[in-house]
Amino acid sequence: MSEAAKTKDNFWLYVGGTVITLLIVITVVKQSENEKFAPIKQQLEEETAQMNIRVLN
């Protein structure tokens, strides 16, 4: 029993490491998507700004 008491169960350490790794991967993927679509978003914002011209009488 003394050996069983000395060994440490690392289950929660592995679960925590896996969760943190998944969060990092998701963040990196989202960031790359944002960078990829940034020029399209900028173009849409410019078109919206051009469409919002007010006509003064």
N, C-alpha and C. Protein backbone atom coordinates (compact mmCIF):
# COMPACT_ATOMS: atom_id res chain seq x y z
N MET A 1 0.81 -1.19 0.00
CA MET A 1 0.00 0.00 0.00
C MET A 1 0.85 1.26 0.00
N SER A 2 2.04 1.18 0.54
CA SER A 2 2.87 2.37 0.59
C SER A 2 3.27 2.82 -0.80
N GLU A 3 3.47 1.88 -1.74
CA GLU A 3 3.79 2.26 -3.12
C GLU A 3 2.60 2.92 -3.80
N ALA A 4 1.42 2.42 -3.52
CA ALA A 4 0.20 3.00 -4.12
C ALA A 4 -0.02 4.41 -3.60
N ALA A 5 0.32 4.64 -2.37
CA ALA A 5 0.14 5.97 -1.80
C ALA A 5 1.17 6.95 -2.36
N LYS A 6 2.37 6.46 -2.70
CA LYS A 6 3.42 7.34 -3.20
C LYS A 6 3.21 7.74 -4.66
N THR A 7 2.62 6.84 -5.46
CA THR A 7 2.41 7.19 -6.88
C THR A 7 1.26 8.17 -6.97
N LYS A 8 1.45 9.13 -7.83
CA LYS A 8 0.47 10.20 -7.96
C LYS A 8 -0.36 9.96 -9.21
N ASP A 9 -1.66 10.16 -9.09
CA ASP A 9 -2.56 10.01 -10.24
C ASP A 9 -2.54 11.31 -11.04
N ASN A 10 -2.10 11.22 -12.28
CA ASN A 10 -1.97 12.41 -13.12
C ASN A 10 -3.13 12.59 -14.10
N PHE A 11 -4.27 11.94 -13.82
CA PHE A 11 -5.41 12.01 -14.73
C PHE A 11 -5.85 13.45 -14.95
N TRP A 12 -6.05 14.20 -13.88
CA TRP A 12 -6.54 15.58 -14.03
C TRP A 12 -5.48 16.48 -14.67
N LEU A 13 -4.23 16.15 -14.46
CA LEU A 13 -3.15 16.89 -15.13
C LEU A 13 -3.23 16.69 -16.64
N TYR A 14 -3.47 15.45 -17.06
CA TYR A 14 -3.60 15.15 -18.48
C TYR A 14 -4.85 15.81 -19.07
N VAL A 15 -5.95 15.77 -18.33
CA VAL A 15 -7.19 16.40 -18.80
C VAL A 15 -6.98 17.91 -18.94
N GLY A 16 -6.38 18.53 -17.96
CA GLY A 16 -6.11 19.96 -18.01
C GLY A 16 -5.19 20.33 -19.16
N GLY A 17 -4.16 19.54 -19.36
CA GLY A 17 -3.24 19.78 -20.48
C GLY A 17 -3.92 19.65 -21.82
N THR A 18 -4.80 18.66 -21.95
CA THR A 18 -5.53 18.47 -23.19
C THR A 18 -6.48 19.63 -23.46
N VAL A 19 -7.17 20.08 -22.43
CA VAL A 19 -8.11 21.21 -22.59
C VAL A 19 -7.35 22.47 -22.97
N ILE A 20 -6.26 22.75 -22.32
CA ILE A 20 -5.47 23.94 -22.64
C ILE A 20 -4.93 23.86 -24.06
N THR A 21 -4.47 22.68 -24.47
CA THR A 21 -3.97 22.50 -25.83
C THR A 21 -5.08 22.74 -26.85
N LEU A 22 -6.26 22.22 -26.60
CA LEU A 22 -7.39 22.43 -27.51
C LEU A 22 -7.77 23.91 -27.60
N LEU A 23 -7.77 24.60 -26.47
CA LEU A 23 -8.08 26.03 -26.48
C LEU A 23 -7.06 26.82 -27.29
N ILE A 24 -5.79 26.46 -27.17
CA ILE A 24 -4.75 27.15 -27.93
C ILE A 24 -4.92 26.89 -29.41
N VAL A 25 -5.21 25.65 -29.79
CA VAL A 25 -5.41 25.32 -31.21
C VAL A 25 -6.60 26.08 -31.78
N ILE A 26 -7.70 26.12 -31.05
CA ILE A 26 -8.88 26.86 -31.51
C ILE A 26 -8.57 28.33 -31.67
N THR A 27 -7.83 28.92 -30.74
CA THR A 27 -7.47 30.33 -30.82
C THR A 27 -6.60 30.60 -32.03
N VAL A 28 -5.65 29.74 -32.32
CA VAL A 28 -4.76 29.93 -33.48
C VAL A 28 -5.56 29.83 -34.77
N VAL A 29 -6.47 28.88 -34.85
CA VAL A 29 -7.28 28.73 -36.06
C VAL A 29 -8.17 29.95 -36.27
N LYS A 30 -8.81 30.43 -35.22
CA LYS A 30 -9.66 31.62 -35.33
C LYS A 30 -8.84 32.83 -35.76
N GLN A 31 -7.65 32.99 -35.21
CA GLN A 31 -6.79 34.12 -35.57
C GLN A 31 -6.41 34.05 -37.04
N SER A 32 -6.10 32.87 -37.54
CA SER A 32 -5.72 32.75 -38.95
C SER A 32 -6.91 33.05 -39.86
N GLU A 33 -8.12 32.68 -39.41
CA GLU A 33 -9.32 33.00 -40.19
C GLU A 33 -9.53 34.51 -40.23
N ASN A 34 -9.32 35.17 -39.11
CA ASN A 34 -9.49 36.63 -39.06
C ASN A 34 -8.50 37.32 -39.99
N GLU A 35 -7.26 36.85 -40.01
CA GLU A 35 -6.25 37.44 -40.88
C GLU A 35 -6.56 37.18 -42.35
N LYS A 36 -7.12 36.01 -42.64
CA LYS A 36 -7.41 35.65 -44.03
C LYS A 36 -8.54 36.51 -44.59
N PHE A 37 -9.55 36.80 -43.77
CA PHE A 37 -10.71 37.54 -44.24
C PHE A 37 -10.64 39.04 -43.95
N ALA A 38 -9.55 39.51 -43.42
CA ALA A 38 -9.41 40.94 -43.10
C ALA A 38 -9.54 41.83 -44.34
N PRO A 39 -8.90 41.51 -45.48
CA PRO A 39 -9.07 42.37 -46.66
C PRO A 39 -10.51 42.41 -47.16
N ILE A 40 -11.22 41.30 -47.08
CA ILE A 40 -12.62 41.27 -47.51
C ILE A 40 -13.47 42.13 -46.58
N LYS A 41 -13.21 42.04 -45.29
CA LYS A 41 -13.96 42.85 -44.33
C LYS A 41 -13.70 44.33 -44.55
N GLN A 42 -12.46 44.69 -44.83
CA GLN A 42 -12.12 46.08 -45.09
C GLN A 42 -12.83 46.58 -46.35
N GLN A 43 -12.88 45.76 -47.38
CA GLN A 43 -13.56 46.14 -48.62
C GLN A 43 -15.06 46.33 -48.37
N LEU A 44 -15.66 45.47 -47.60
CA LEU A 44 -17.08 45.61 -47.29
C LEU A 44 -17.35 46.88 -46.49
N GLU A 45 -16.46 47.21 -45.57
CA GLU A 45 -16.63 48.44 -44.79
C GLU A 45 -16.49 49.67 -45.68
N GLU A 46 -15.57 49.64 -46.64
CA GLU A 46 -15.42 50.76 -47.56
C GLU A 46 -16.67 50.92 -48.44
N GLU A 47 -17.21 49.80 -48.92
CA GLU A 47 -18.42 49.86 -49.73
C GLU A 47 -19.59 50.40 -48.93
N THR A 48 -19.69 50.00 -47.67
CA THR A 48 -20.76 50.50 -46.80
C THR A 48 -20.60 52.00 -46.58
N ALA A 49 -19.37 52.45 -46.39
CA ALA A 49 -19.13 53.88 -46.20
C ALA A 49 -19.50 54.67 -47.46
N GLN A 50 -19.24 54.11 -48.62
CA GLN A 50 -19.58 54.79 -49.87
C GLN A 50 -21.09 54.82 -50.07
N MET A 51 -21.79 53.80 -49.62
CA MET A 51 -23.25 53.75 -49.77
C MET A 51 -23.97 54.68 -48.80
N ASN A 52 -23.30 55.11 -47.75
CA ASN A 52 -23.92 55.94 -46.73
C ASN A 52 -23.74 57.43 -46.99
N ILE A 53 -23.54 57.80 -48.23
CA ILE A 53 -23.40 59.21 -48.55
C ILE A 53 -24.78 59.85 -48.51
N ARG A 54 -24.90 60.95 -47.80
CA ARG A 54 -26.17 61.64 -47.69
C ARG A 54 -26.26 62.72 -48.76
N VAL A 55 -27.43 62.83 -49.32
CA VAL A 55 -27.67 63.83 -50.36
C VAL A 55 -28.34 65.03 -49.68
N LEU A 56 -27.66 66.18 -49.78
CA LEU A 56 -28.20 67.40 -49.19
C LEU A 56 -28.87 68.23 -50.26
N ASN A 57 -30.04 68.74 -49.97
CA ASN A 57 -30.76 69.58 -50.92
C ASN A 57 -30.45 71.04 -50.70
